[in-house]
């Protein structure tokens, strides 16, 4: 009876061992695939992070260049405005000097000489 049971159980035990081995192999393959997918996701995320970091740095560099260009333009405008102010002040100083040099500086009203000093 035991021999018959051993003979009948042997294929079942072998099938169970084969099935268990197959299950372990499938589990190892799935674990390996899961590890590979995790690595791929990590690399993809790192790649996208690097891409967007580069985009942000490029945008910041462009913004800084625009700020520098605007500051340079503002400085040029300020320099030109200061030159114009100095020219007008010099012209006014010359006009005041010429006016003071005219005879009868205490006369009331505008004389012909003072009217000639006015810019046309």
PDB file of N, CA and C in Angstrom:
ATOM      1  N   UNK A   1       0.813  -1.188   0.000  1.00  0.00           N
ATOM      2  CA  UNK A   1       0.000   0.000   0.000  1.00  0.00           C
ATOM      3  C   UNK A   1       0.869   1.269   0.000  1.00  0.00           C
ATOM      4  N   UNK A   2       1.909   1.281   0.794  1.00  0.00           N
ATOM      5  CA  UNK A   2       2.784   2.432   0.852  1.00  0.00           C
ATOM      6  C   UNK A   2       3.509   2.568  -0.471  1.00  0.00           C
ATOM      7  N   UNK A   3       3.891   1.502  -1.078  1.00  0.00           N
ATOM      8  CA  UNK A   3       4.568   1.544  -2.366  1.00  0.00           C
ATOM      9  C   UNK A   3       3.642   2.115  -3.416  1.00  0.00           C
ATOM     10  N   UNK A   4       2.362   1.743  -3.351  1.00  0.00           N
ATOM     11  CA  UNK A   4       1.375   2.271  -4.307  1.00  0.00           C
ATOM     12  C   UNK A   4       1.165   3.756  -4.064  1.00  0.00           C
ATOM     13  N   UNK A   5       1.128   4.133  -2.811  1.00  0.00           N
ATOM     14  CA  UNK A   5       0.967   5.545  -2.470  1.00  0.00           C
ATOM     15  C   UNK A   5       2.191   6.336  -2.914  1.00  0.00           C
ATOM     16  N   UNK A   6       3.370   5.760  -2.720  1.00  0.00           N
ATOM     17  CA  UNK A   6       4.580   6.431  -3.173  1.00  0.00           C
ATOM     18  C   UNK A   6       4.597   6.563  -4.676  1.00  0.00           C
ATOM     19  N   UNK A   7       4.150   5.512  -5.382  1.00  0.00           N
ATOM     20  CA  UNK A   7       4.126   5.529  -6.816  1.00  0.00           C
ATOM     21  C   UNK A   7       3.113   6.544  -7.342  1.00  0.00           C
ATOM     22  N   UNK A   8       1.975   6.672  -6.688  1.00  0.00           N
ATOM     23  CA  UNK A   8       0.944   7.608  -7.118  1.00  0.00           C
ATOM     24  C   UNK A   8       1.299   9.045  -6.706  1.00  0.00           C
ATOM     25  N   UNK A   9       1.987   9.210  -5.601  1.00  0.00           N
ATOM     26  CA  UNK A   9       2.319  10.541  -5.102  1.00  0.00           C
ATOM     27  C   UNK A   9       3.546  11.127  -5.781  1.00  0.00           C
ATOM     28  N   UNK A  10       4.398  10.277  -6.339  1.00  0.00           N
ATOM     29  CA  UNK A  10       5.626  10.751  -6.951  1.00  0.00           C
ATOM     30  C   UNK A  10       5.361  11.734  -8.090  1.00  0.00           C
ATOM     31  N   UNK A  11       4.474  11.466  -9.015  1.00  0.00           N
ATOM     32  CA  UNK A  11       4.215  12.473 -10.061  1.00  0.00           C
ATOM     33  C   UNK A  11       3.619  13.758  -9.480  1.00  0.00           C
ATOM     34  N   UNK A  12       2.797  13.658  -8.462  1.00  0.00           N
ATOM     35  CA  UNK A  12       2.196  14.854  -7.865  1.00  0.00           C
ATOM     36  C   UNK A  12       3.265  15.678  -7.163  1.00  0.00           C
ATOM     37  N   UNK A  13       4.185  15.017  -6.459  1.00  0.00           N
ATOM     38  CA  UNK A  13       5.250  15.723  -5.769  1.00  0.00           C
ATOM     39  C   UNK A  13       6.197  16.355  -6.794  1.00  0.00           C
ATOM     40  N   UNK A  14       6.486  15.633  -7.855  1.00  0.00           N
ATOM     41  CA  UNK A  14       7.353  16.174  -8.897  1.00  0.00           C
ATOM     42  C   UNK A  14       6.685  17.361  -9.580  1.00  0.00           C
ATOM     43  N   UNK A  15       5.406  17.254  -9.842  1.00  0.00           N
ATOM     44  CA  UNK A  15       4.672  18.361 -10.468  1.00  0.00           C
ATOM     45  C   UNK A  15       4.629  19.562  -9.535  1.00  0.00           C
ATOM     46  N   UNK A  16       4.439  19.316  -8.242  1.00  0.00           N
ATOM     47  CA  UNK A  16       4.411  20.408  -7.276  1.00  0.00           C
ATOM     48  C   UNK A  16       5.786  21.072  -7.194  1.00  0.00           C
ATOM     49  N   UNK A  17       6.854  20.272  -7.213  1.00  0.00           N
ATOM     50  CA  UNK A  17       8.204  20.836  -7.175  1.00  0.00           C
ATOM     51  C   UNK A  17       8.483  21.627  -8.444  1.00  0.00           C
ATOM     52  N   UNK A  18       8.059  21.082  -9.579  1.00  0.00           N
ATOM     53  CA  UNK A  18       8.236  21.789 -10.844  1.00  0.00           C
ATOM     54  C   UNK A  18       7.429  23.086 -10.858  1.00  0.00           C
ATOM     55  N   UNK A  19       6.214  23.024 -10.362  1.00  0.00           N
ATOM     56  CA  UNK A  19       5.364  24.215 -10.284  1.00  0.00           C
ATOM     57  C   UNK A  19       5.959  25.247  -9.330  1.00  0.00           C
ATOM     58  N   UNK A  20       6.503  24.803  -8.213  1.00  0.00           N
ATOM     59  CA  UNK A  20       7.127  25.703  -7.256  1.00  0.00           C
ATOM     60  C   UNK A  20       8.378  26.342  -7.869  1.00  0.00           C
ATOM     61  N   UNK A  21       9.175  25.546  -8.589  1.00  0.00           N
ATOM     62  CA  UNK A  21      10.353  26.087  -9.265  1.00  0.00           C
ATOM     63  C   UNK A  21       9.945  27.116 -10.312  1.00  0.00           C
ATOM     64  N   UNK A  22       8.914  26.781 -11.088  1.00  0.00           N
ATOM     65  CA  UNK A  22       8.415  27.713 -12.105  1.00  0.00           C
ATOM     66  C   UNK A  22       7.918  29.009 -11.447  1.00  0.00           C
ATOM     67  N   UNK A  23       7.214  28.902 -10.336  1.00  0.00           N
ATOM     68  CA  UNK A  23       6.711  30.080  -9.627  1.00  0.00           C
ATOM     69  C   UNK A  23       7.872  30.936  -9.120  1.00  0.00           C
ATOM     70  N   UNK A  24       8.914  30.312  -8.608  1.00  0.00           N
ATOM     71  CA  UNK A  24      10.079  31.050  -8.133  1.00  0.00           C
ATOM     72  C   UNK A  24      10.789  31.767  -9.293  1.00  0.00           C
ATOM     73  N   UNK A  25      10.908  31.092 -10.425  1.00  0.00           N
ATOM     74  CA  UNK A  25      11.535  31.714 -11.598  1.00  0.00           C
ATOM     75  C   UNK A  25      10.708  32.901 -12.069  1.00  0.00           C
ATOM     76  N   UNK A  26       9.394  32.744 -12.129  1.00  0.00           N
ATOM     77  CA  UNK A  26       8.515  33.844 -12.533  1.00  0.00           C
ATOM     78  C   UNK A  26       8.623  34.997 -11.536  1.00  0.00           C
ATOM     79  N   UNK A  27       8.671  34.685 -10.258  1.00  0.00           N
ATOM     80  CA  UNK A  27       8.800  35.720  -9.232  1.00  0.00           C
ATOM     81  C   UNK A  27      10.125  36.469  -9.389  1.00  0.00           C
ATOM     82  N   UNK A  28      11.213  35.759  -9.657  1.00  0.00           N
ATOM     83  CA  UNK A  28      12.507  36.408  -9.866  1.00  0.00           C
ATOM     84  C   UNK A  28      12.487  37.281 -11.129  1.00  0.00           C
ATOM     85  N   UNK A  29      11.845  36.776 -12.185  1.00  0.00           N
ATOM     86  CA  UNK A  29      11.760  37.558 -13.426  1.00  0.00           C
ATOM     87  C   UNK A  29      10.947  38.826 -13.191  1.00  0.00           C
ATOM     88  N   UNK A  30       9.818  38.709 -12.513  1.00  0.00           N
ATOM     89  CA  UNK A  30       8.983  39.882 -12.227  1.00  0.00           C
ATOM     90  C   UNK A  30       9.736  40.864 -11.341  1.00  0.00           C
ATOM     91  N   UNK A  31      10.476  40.370 -10.359  1.00  0.00           N
ATOM     92  CA  UNK A  31      11.263  41.245  -9.493  1.00  0.00           C
ATOM     93  C   UNK A  31      12.329  41.969 -10.301  1.00  0.00           C
ATOM     94  N   UNK A  32      12.989  41.228 -11.203  1.00  0.00           N
ATOM     95  CA  UNK A  32      14.029  41.837 -12.050  1.00  0.00           C
ATOM     96  C   UNK A  32      13.416  42.894 -12.976  1.00  0.00           C
ATOM     97  N   UNK A  33      12.272  42.600 -13.561  1.00  0.00           N
ATOM     98  CA  UNK A  33      11.588  43.566 -14.437  1.00  0.00           C
ATOM     99  C   UNK A  33      11.176  44.795 -13.637  1.00  0.00           C
ATOM    100  N   UNK A  34      10.683  44.577 -12.420  1.00  0.00           N
ATOM    101  CA  UNK A  34      10.289  45.699 -11.567  1.00  0.00           C
ATOM    102  C   UNK A  34      11.493  46.585 -11.258  1.00  0.00           C
ATOM    103  N   UNK A  35      12.641  45.973 -10.992  1.00  0.00           N
ATOM    104  CA  UNK A  35      13.867  46.738 -10.741  1.00  0.00           C
ATOM    105  C   UNK A  35      14.265  47.531 -11.986  1.00  0.00           C
ATOM    106  N   UNK A  36      14.179  46.892 -13.149  1.00  0.00           N
ATOM    107  CA  UNK A  36      14.520  47.581 -14.394  1.00  0.00           C
ATOM    108  C   UNK A  36      13.578  48.747 -14.666  1.00  0.00           C
ATOM    109  N   UNK A  37      12.300  48.553 -14.392  1.00  0.00           N
ATOM    110  CA  UNK A  37      11.325  49.632 -14.591  1.00  0.00           C
ATOM    111  C   UNK A  37      11.611  50.780 -13.630  1.00  0.00           C
ATOM    112  N   UNK A  38      11.921  50.449 -12.384  1.00  0.00           N
ATOM    113  CA  UNK A  38      12.259  51.501 -11.412  1.00  0.00           C
ATOM    114  C   UNK A  38      13.481  52.293 -11.863  1.00  0.00           C
ATOM    115  N   UNK A  39      14.501  51.600 -12.367  1.00  0.00           N
ATOM    116  CA  UNK A  39      15.689  52.293 -12.874  1.00  0.00           C
ATOM    117  C   UNK A  39      15.337  53.184 -14.071  1.00  0.00           C
ATOM    118  N   UNK A  40      14.510  52.649 -14.958  1.00  0.00           N
ATOM    119  CA  UNK A  40      14.123  53.442 -16.136  1.00  0.00           C
ATOM    120  C   UNK A  40      13.346  54.693 -15.723  1.00  0.00           C
ATOM    121  N   UNK A  41      12.469  54.535 -14.753  1.00  0.00           N
ATOM    122  CA  UNK A  41      11.698  55.681 -14.266  1.00  0.00           C
ATOM    123  C   UNK A  41      12.635  56.693 -13.619  1.00  0.00           C
ATOM    124  N   UNK A  42      13.580  56.212 -12.810  1.00  0.00           N
ATOM    125  CA  UNK A  42      14.532  57.113 -12.158  1.00  0.00           C
ATOM    126  C   UNK A  42      15.354  57.865 -13.193  1.00  0.00           C
ATOM    127  N   UNK A  43      15.821  57.155 -14.219  1.00  0.00           N
ATOM    128  CA  UNK A  43      16.598  57.816 -15.277  1.00  0.00           C
ATOM    129  C   UNK A  43      15.745  58.817 -16.054  1.00  0.00           C
ATOM    130  N   UNK A  44      14.496  58.450 -16.328  1.00  0.00           N
ATOM    131  CA  UNK A  44      13.611  59.368 -17.063  1.00  0.00           C
ATOM    132  C   UNK A  44      13.333  60.617 -16.240  1.00  0.00           C
ATOM    133  N   UNK A  45      13.084  60.443 -14.955  1.00  0.00           N
ATOM    134  CA  UNK A  45      12.828  61.595 -14.080  1.00  0.00           C
ATOM    135  C   UNK A  45      14.073  62.472 -13.998  1.00  0.00           C
ATOM    136  N   UNK A  46      15.235  61.844 -13.864  1.00  0.00           N
ATOM    137  CA  UNK A  46      16.482  62.621 -13.798  1.00  0.00           C
ATOM    138  C   UNK A  46      16.709  63.363 -15.112  1.00  0.00           C
ATOM    139  N   UNK A  47      16.406  62.711 -16.229  1.00  0.00           N
ATOM    140  CA  UNK A  47      16.542  63.369 -17.528  1.00  0.00           C
ATOM    141  C   UNK A  47      15.606  64.560 -17.663  1.00  0.00           C
ATOM    142  N   UNK A  48      14.361  64.413 -17.251  1.00  0.00           N
ATOM    143  CA  UNK A  48      13.403  65.523 -17.329  1.00  0.00           C
ATOM    144  C   UNK A  48      13.808  66.640 -16.370  1.00  0.00           C
ATOM    145  N   UNK A  49      14.280  66.262 -15.184  1.00  0.00           N
ATOM    146  CA  UNK A  49      14.741  67.287 -14.245  1.00  0.00           C
ATOM    147  C   UNK A  49      15.916  68.067 -14.830  1.00  0.00           C
ATOM    148  N   UNK A  50      16.839  67.348 -15.455  1.00  0.00           N
ATOM    149  CA  UNK A  50      17.984  68.023 -16.074  1.00  0.00           C
ATOM    150  C   UNK A  50      17.518  68.931 -17.206  1.00  0.00           C
ATOM    151  N   UNK A  51      16.549  68.454 -17.988  1.00  0.00           N
ATOM    152  CA  UNK A  51      16.024  69.277 -19.090  1.00  0.00           C
ATOM    153  C   UNK A  51      15.411  70.564 -18.560  1.00  0.00           C
ATOM    154  N   UNK A  52      14.550  70.436 -17.560  1.00  0.00           N
ATOM    155  CA  UNK A  52      13.875  71.633 -17.053  1.00  0.00           C
ATOM    156  C   UNK A  52      14.826  72.541 -16.287  1.00  0.00           C
ATOM    157  N   UNK A  53      15.827  71.956 -15.629  1.00  0.00           N
ATOM    158  CA  UNK A  53      16.844  72.784 -14.977  1.00  0.00           C
ATOM    159  C   UNK A  53      17.586  73.610 -16.015  1.00  0.00           C
ATOM    160  N   UNK A  54      17.925  72.967 -17.131  1.00  0.00           N
ATOM    161  CA  UNK A  54      18.606  73.692 -18.217  1.00  0.00           C
ATOM    162  C   UNK A  54      17.702  74.769 -18.801  1.00  0.00           C
ATOM    163  N   UNK A  55      16.423  74.475 -18.959  1.00  0.00           N
ATOM    164  CA  UNK A  55      15.475  75.478 -19.483  1.00  0.00           C
ATOM    165  C   UNK A  55      15.370  76.667 -18.530  1.00  0.00           C
ATOM    166  N   UNK A  56      15.310  76.391 -17.240  1.00  0.00           N
ATOM    167  CA  UNK A  56      15.213  77.470 -16.249  1.00  0.00           C
ATOM    168  C   UNK A  56      16.488  78.306 -16.268  1.00  0.00           C
ATOM    169  N   UNK A  57      17.638  77.648 -16.346  1.00  0.00           N
ATOM    170  CA  UNK A  57      18.899  78.390 -16.397  1.00  0.00           C
ATOM    171  C   UNK A  57      18.984  79.237 -17.663  1.00  0.00           C
ATOM    172  N   UNK A  58      18.511  78.692 -18.787  1.00  0.00           N
ATOM    173  CA  UNK A  58      18.521  79.453 -20.037  1.00  0.00           C
ATOM    174  C   UNK A  58      17.600  80.667 -19.929  1.00  0.00           C
ATOM    175  N   UNK A  59      16.411  80.459 -19.360  1.00  0.00           N
ATOM    176  CA  UNK A  59      15.475  81.569 -19.193  1.00  0.00           C
ATOM    177  C   UNK A  59      16.042  82.619 -18.236  1.00  0.00           C
ATOM    178  N   UNK A  60      16.695  82.178 -17.171  1.00  0.00           N
ATOM    179  CA  UNK A  60      17.308  83.130 -16.238  1.00  0.00           C
ATOM    180  C   UNK A  60      18.427  83.915 -16.910  1.00  0.00           C
ATOM    181  N   UNK A  61      19.235  83.239 -17.707  1.00  0.00           N
ATOM    182  CA  UNK A  61      20.317  83.934 -18.414  1.00  0.00           C
ATOM    183  C   UNK A  61      19.750  84.960 -19.394  1.00  0.00           C
ATOM    184  N   UNK A  62      18.683  84.574 -20.089  1.00  0.00           N
ATOM    185  CA  UNK A  62      18.051  85.511 -21.024  1.00  0.00           C
ATOM    186  C   UNK A  62      17.459  86.707 -20.285  1.00  0.00           C
ATOM    187  N   UNK A  63      16.821  86.451 -19.158  1.00  0.00           N
ATOM    188  CA  UNK A  63      16.246  87.522 -18.357  1.00  0.00           C
ATOM    189  C   UNK A  63      17.344  88.449 -17.834  1.00  0.00           C
ATOM    190  N   UNK A  64      18.430  87.873 -17.347  1.00  0.00           N
ATOM    191  CA  UNK A  64      19.539  88.696 -16.849  1.00  0.00           C
ATOM    192  C   UNK A  64      20.144  89.536 -17.972  1.00  0.00           C
ATOM    193  N   UNK A  65      20.225  88.973 -19.177  1.00  0.00           N
ATOM    194  CA  UNK A  65      20.747  89.735 -20.309  1.00  0.00           C
ATOM    195  C   UNK A  65      19.810  90.895 -20.639  1.00  0.00           C
ATOM    196  N   UNK A  66      18.512  90.632 -20.621  1.00  0.00           N
ATOM    197  CA  UNK A  66      17.552  91.708 -20.884  1.00  0.00           C
ATOM    198  C   UNK A  66      17.648  92.804 -19.821  1.00  0.00           C
ATOM    199  N   UNK A  67      17.814  92.409 -18.565  1.00  0.00           N
ATOM    200  CA  UNK A  67      17.945  93.387 -17.487  1.00  0.00           C
ATOM    201  C   UNK A  67      19.204  94.225 -17.695  1.00  0.00           C
ATOM    202  N   UNK A  68      20.292  93.556 -18.065  1.00  0.00           N
ATOM    203  CA  UNK A  68      21.541  94.288 -18.305  1.00  0.00           C
ATOM    204  C   UNK A  68      21.396  95.230 -19.498  1.00  0.00           C
ATOM    205  N   UNK A  69      20.723  94.761 -20.557  1.00  0.00           N
ATOM    206  CA  UNK A  69      20.507  95.618 -21.725  1.00  0.00           C
ATOM    207  C   UNK A  69      19.652  96.833 -21.367  1.00  0.00           C
ATOM    208  N   UNK A  70      18.615  96.614 -20.558  1.00  0.00           N
ATOM    209  CA  UNK A  70      17.760  97.731 -20.142  1.00  0.00           C
ATOM    210  C   UNK A  70      18.531  98.705 -19.259  1.00  0.00           C
ATOM    211  N   UNK A  71      19.362  98.176 -18.374  1.00  0.00           N
ATOM    212  CA  UNK A  71      20.168  99.059 -17.515  1.00  0.00           C
ATOM    213  C   UNK A  71      21.140  99.871 -18.361  1.00  0.00           C
ATOM    214  N   UNK A  72      21.726  99.239 -19.365  1.00  0.00           N
ATOM    215  CA  UNK A  72      22.650  99.949 -20.252  1.00  0.00           C
ATOM    216  C   UNK A  72      21.905 101.015 -21.048  1.00  0.00           C
ATOM    217  N   UNK A  73      20.699 100.681 -21.542  1.00  0.00           N
ATOM    218  CA  UNK A  73      19.903 101.664 -22.285  1.00  0.00           C
ATOM    219  C   UNK A  73      19.497 102.828 -21.377  1.00  0.00           C
ATOM    220  N   UNK A  74      19.117 102.520 -20.141  1.00  0.00           N
ATOM    221  CA  UNK A  74      18.739 103.574 -19.194  1.00  0.00           C
ATOM    222  C   UNK A  74      19.928 104.475 -18.891  1.00  0.00           C
ATOM    223  N   UNK A  75      21.110 103.883 -18.761  1.00  0.00           N
ATOM    224  CA  UNK A  75      22.314 104.674 -18.503  1.00  0.00           C
ATOM    225  C   UNK A  75      22.626 105.578 -19.699  1.00  0.00           C
ATOM    226  N   UNK A  76      22.442 105.052 -20.910  1.00  0.00           N
ATOM    227  CA  UNK A  76      22.681 105.873 -22.106  1.00  0.00           C
ATOM    228  C   UNK A  76      21.689 107.030 -22.175  1.00  0.00           C
ATOM    229  N   UNK A  77      20.431 106.754 -21.848  1.00  0.00           N
ATOM    230  CA  UNK A  77      19.408 107.806 -21.851  1.00  0.00           C
ATOM    231  C   UNK A  77      19.733 108.851 -20.789  1.00  0.00           C
ATOM    232  N   UNK A  78      20.142 108.386 -19.606  1.00  0.00           N
ATOM    233  CA  UNK A  78      20.483 109.319 -18.527  1.00  0.00           C
ATOM    234  C   UNK A  78      21.694 110.176 -18.907  1.00  0.00           C
ATOM    235  N   UNK A  79      22.678 109.556 -19.550  1.00  0.00           N
ATOM    236  CA  UNK A  79      23.864 110.298 -19.977  1.00  0.00           C
ATOM    237  C   UNK A  79      23.489 111.358 -21.007  1.00  0.00           C
ATOM    238  N   UNK A  80      22.643 110.987 -21.944  1.00  0.00           N
ATOM    239  CA  UNK A  80      22.198 111.953 -22.963  1.00  0.00           C
ATOM    240  C   UNK A  80      21.390 113.084 -22.323  1.00  0.00           C
ATOM    241  N   UNK A  81      20.513 112.738 -21.385  1.00  0.00           N
ATOM    242  CA  UNK A  81      19.706 113.754 -20.707  1.00  0.00           C
ATOM    243  C   UNK A  81      20.602 114.706 -19.914  1.00  0.00           C
ATOM    244  N   UNK A  82      21.607 114.157 -19.224  1.00  0.00           N
ATOM    245  CA  UNK A  82      22.529 115.007 -18.470  1.00  0.00           C
ATOM    246  C   UNK A  82      23.312 115.931 -19.405  1.00  0.00           C
ATOM    247  N   UNK A  83      23.707 115.415 -20.555  1.00  0.00           N
ATOM    248  CA  UNK A  83      24.421 116.255 -21.524  1.00  0.00           C
ATOM    249  C   UNK A  83      23.523 117.390 -22.012  1.00  0.00           C
ATOM    250  N   UNK A  84      22.259 117.078 -22.251  1.00  0.00           N
ATOM    251  CA  UNK A  84      21.325 118.120 -22.692  1.00  0.00           C
ATOM    252  C   UNK A  84      21.124 119.168 -21.592  1.00  0.00           C
ATOM    253  N   UNK A  85      20.996 118.701 -20.354  1.00  0.00           N
ATOM    254  CA  UNK A  85      20.808 119.634 -19.242  1.00  0.00           C
ATOM    255  C   UNK A  85      22.037 120.537 -19.113  1.00  0.00           C
ATOM    256  N   UNK A  86      23.237 119.950 -19.203  1.00  0.00           N
ATOM    257  CA  UNK A  86      24.456 120.759 -19.130  1.00  0.00           C
ATOM    258  C   UNK A  86      24.525 121.761 -20.275  1.00  0.00           C
ATOM    259  N   UNK A  87      24.094 121.356 -21.472  1.00  0.00           N
ATOM    260  CA  UNK A  87      24.106 122.272 -22.618  1.00  0.00           C
ATOM    261  C   UNK A  87      23.144 123.431 -22.394  1.00  0.00           C
ATOM    262  N   UNK A  88      21.959 123.125 -21.867  1.00  0.00           N
ATOM    263  CA  UNK A  88      20.974 124.180 -21.601  1.00  0.00           C
ATOM    264  C   UNK A  88      21.479 125.097 -20.492  1.00  0.00           C
ATOM    265  N   UNK A  89      22.095 124.510 -19.458  1.00  0.00           N
ATOM    266  CA  UNK A  89      22.629 125.337 -18.378  1.00  0.00           C
ATOM    267  C   UNK A  89      23.762 126.234 -18.887  1.00  0.00           C
ATOM    268  N   UNK A  90      24.594 125.697 -19.763  1.00  0.00           N
ATOM    269  CA  UNK A  90      25.678 126.498 -20.332  1.00  0.00           C
ATOM    270  C   UNK A  90      25.100 127.631 -21.186  1.00  0.00           C
ATOM    271  N   UNK A  91      24.075 127.295 -21.950  1.00  0.00           N
ATOM    272  CA  UNK A  91      23.435 128.318 -22.787  1.00  0.00           C
ATOM    273  C   UNK A  91      22.807 129.402 -21.907  1.00  0.00           C
ATOM    274  N   UNK A  92      22.169 128.987 -20.822  1.00  0.00           N
ATOM    275  CA  UNK A  92      21.555 129.950 -19.904  1.00  0.00           C
ATOM    276  C   UNK A  92      22.632 130.812 -19.250  1.00  0.00           C
ATOM    277  N   UNK A  93      23.740 130.210 -18.859  1.00  0.00           N
ATOM    278  CA  UNK A  93      24.830 130.959 -18.248  1.00  0.00           C
ATOM    279  C   UNK A  93      25.395 131.993 -19.235  1.00  0.00           C
ATOM    280  N   UNK A  94      25.582 131.570 -20.492  1.00  0.00           N
ATOM    281  CA  UNK A  94      26.059 132.510 -21.511  1.00  0.00           C
ATOM    282  C   UNK A  94      25.072 133.654 -21.716  1.00  0.00           C
ATOM    283  N   UNK A  95      23.774 133.316 -21.730  1.00  0.00           N
ATOM    284  CA  UNK A  95      22.738 134.341 -21.898  1.00  0.00           C
ATOM    285  C   UNK A  95      22.753 135.314 -20.719  1.00  0.00           C
ATOM    286  N   UNK A  96      22.898 134.792 -19.499  1.00  0.00           N
ATOM    287  CA  UNK A  96      22.955 135.669 -18.323  1.00  0.00           C
ATOM    288  C   UNK A  96      24.205 136.549 -18.352  1.00  0.00           C
ATOM    289  N   UNK A  97      25.321 135.972 -18.768  1.00  0.00           N
ATOM    290  CA  UNK A  97      26.561 136.759 -18.865  1.00  0.00           C
ATOM    291  C   UNK A  97      26.410 137.855 -19.919  1.00  0.00           C
ATOM    292  N   UNK A  98      25.844 137.504 -21.073  1.00  0.00           N
ATOM    293  CA  UNK A  98      25.643 138.487 -22.134  1.00  0.00           C
ATOM    294  C   UNK A  98      24.658 139.567 -21.690  1.00  0.00           C
ATOM    295  N   UNK A  99      23.632 139.191 -20.952  1.00  0.00           N
ATOM    296  CA  UNK A  99      22.642 140.151 -20.459  1.00  0.00           C
ATOM    297  C   UNK A  99      23.285 141.101 -19.455  1.00  0.00           C
ATOM    298  N   UNK A 100      24.120 140.547 -18.583  1.00  0.00           N
ATOM    299  CA  UNK A 100      24.769 141.400 -17.578  1.00  0.00           C
ATOM    300  C   UNK A 100      25.771 142.347 -18.220  1.00  0.00           C
ATOM    301  N   UNK A 101      26.303 141.958 -19.350  1.00  0.00           N
ATOM    302  CA  UNK A 101      27.290 142.797 -20.021  1.00  0.00           C
ATOM    303  C   UNK A 101      26.661 143.960 -20.777  1.00  0.00           C
ATOM    304  N   UNK A 102      25.362 143.914 -20.975  1.00  0.00           N
ATOM    305  CA  UNK A 102      24.691 144.999 -21.700  1.00  0.00           C
ATOM    306  C   UNK A 102      24.691 146.275 -20.858  1.00  0.00           C
ATOM    307  N   UNK A 103      24.774 147.411 -21.501  1.00  0.00           N
ATOM    308  CA  UNK A 103      24.699 148.669 -20.750  1.00  0.00           C
ATOM    309  C   UNK A 103      23.287 148.885 -20.219  1.00  0.00           C
ATOM    310  N   UNK A 104      23.159 149.669 -19.233  1.00  0.00           N
ATOM    311  CA  UNK A 104      21.878 150.007 -18.603  1.00  0.00           C
ATOM    312  C   UNK A 104      21.202 148.758 -18.074  1.00  0.00           C
ATOM    313  N   UNK A 105      21.934 148.015 -17.263  1.00  0.00           N
ATOM    314  CA  UNK A 105      21.411 146.776 -16.703  1.00  0.00           C
ATOM    315  C   UNK A 105      20.261 147.009 -15.759  1.00  0.00           C
ATOM    316  N   UNK A 106      20.115 148.235 -15.214  1.00  0.00           N
ATOM    317  CA  UNK A 106      19.029 148.494 -14.274  1.00  0.00           C
ATOM    318  C   UNK A 106      17.815 149.099 -14.967  1.00  0.00           C
ATOM    319  N   UNK A 107      17.835 149.161 -16.303  1.00  0.00           N
ATOM    320  CA  UNK A 107      16.705 149.744 -17.037  1.00  0.00           C
ATOM    321  C   UNK A 107      15.506 148.823 -16.945  1.00  0.00           C
ATOM    322  N   UNK A 108      14.349 149.422 -16.945  1.00  0.00           N
ATOM    323  CA  UNK A 108      13.112 148.676 -16.833  1.00  0.00           C
ATOM    324  C   UNK A 108      12.640 148.270 -18.233  1.00  0.00           C
ATOM    325  N   UNK A 109      12.199 147.027 -18.396  1.00  0.00           N
ATOM    326  CA  UNK A 109      11.674 146.586 -19.684  1.00  0.00           C
ATOM    327  C   UNK A 109      12.739 145.971 -20.548  1.00  0.00           C
ATOM    328  N   UNK A 110      12.353 145.650 -21.759  1.00  0.00           N
ATOM    329  CA  UNK A 110      13.260 145.006 -22.697  1.00  0.00           C
ATOM    330  C   UNK A 110      13.715 146.001 -23.737  1.00  0.00           C
ATOM    331  N   UNK A 111      14.978 146.079 -23.887  1.00  0.00           N
ATOM    332  CA  UNK A 111      15.515 146.925 -24.935  1.00  0.00           C
ATOM    333  C   UNK A 111      15.841 146.075 -26.153  1.00  0.00           C
ATOM    334  N   UNK A 112      16.236 146.775 -27.229  1.00  0.00           N
ATOM    335  CA  UNK A 112      16.536 146.106 -28.474  1.00  0.00           C
ATOM    336  C   UNK A 112      17.682 145.097 -28.282  1.00  0.00           C
ATOM    337  N   UNK A 113      18.703 145.440 -27.521  1.00  0.00           N
ATOM    338  CA  UNK A 113      19.844 144.552 -27.304  1.00  0.00           C
ATOM    339  C   UNK A 113      19.457 143.283 -26.542  1.00  0.00           C
ATOM    340  N   UNK A 114      18.555 143.444 -25.564  1.00  0.00           N
ATOM    341  CA  UNK A 114      18.125 142.278 -24.784  1.00  0.00           C
ATOM    342  C   UNK A 114      17.253 141.357 -25.626  1.00  0.00           C
ATOM    343  N   UNK A 115      16.452 141.908 -26.497  1.00  0.00           N
ATOM    344  CA  UNK A 115      15.605 141.082 -27.349  1.00  0.00           C
ATOM    345  C   UNK A 115      16.471 140.287 -28.324  1.00  0.00           C
ATOM    346  N   UNK A 116      17.562 140.849 -28.746  1.00  0.00           N
ATOM    347  CA  UNK A 116      18.474 140.141 -29.670  1.00  0.00           C
ATOM    348  C   UNK A 116      19.148 138.960 -28.974  1.00  0.00           C
ATOM    349  N   UNK A 117      19.248 138.984 -27.645  1.00  0.00           N
ATOM    350  CA  UNK A 117      19.854 137.864 -26.923  1.00  0.00           C
ATOM    351  C   UNK A 117      18.946 136.627 -26.895  1.00  0.00           C
ATOM    352  N   UNK A 118      17.647 136.827 -27.026  1.00  0.00           N
ATOM    353  CA  UNK A 118      16.717 135.717 -26.912  1.00  0.00           C
ATOM    354  C   UNK A 118      16.901 134.752 -28.102  1.00  0.00           C
ATOM    355  N   UNK A 119      16.839 133.467 -27.848  1.00  0.00           N
ATOM    356  CA  UNK A 119      16.991 132.514 -28.950  1.00  0.00           C
ATOM    357  C   UNK A 119      15.794 132.578 -29.880  1.00  0.00           C
ATOM    358  N   UNK A 120      16.024 132.345 -31.091  1.00  0.00           N
ATOM    359  CA  UNK A 120      14.931 132.403 -32.074  1.00  0.00           C
ATOM    360  C   UNK A 120      14.322 131.065 -32.268  1.00  0.00           C
TER     361      UNK A 120
END
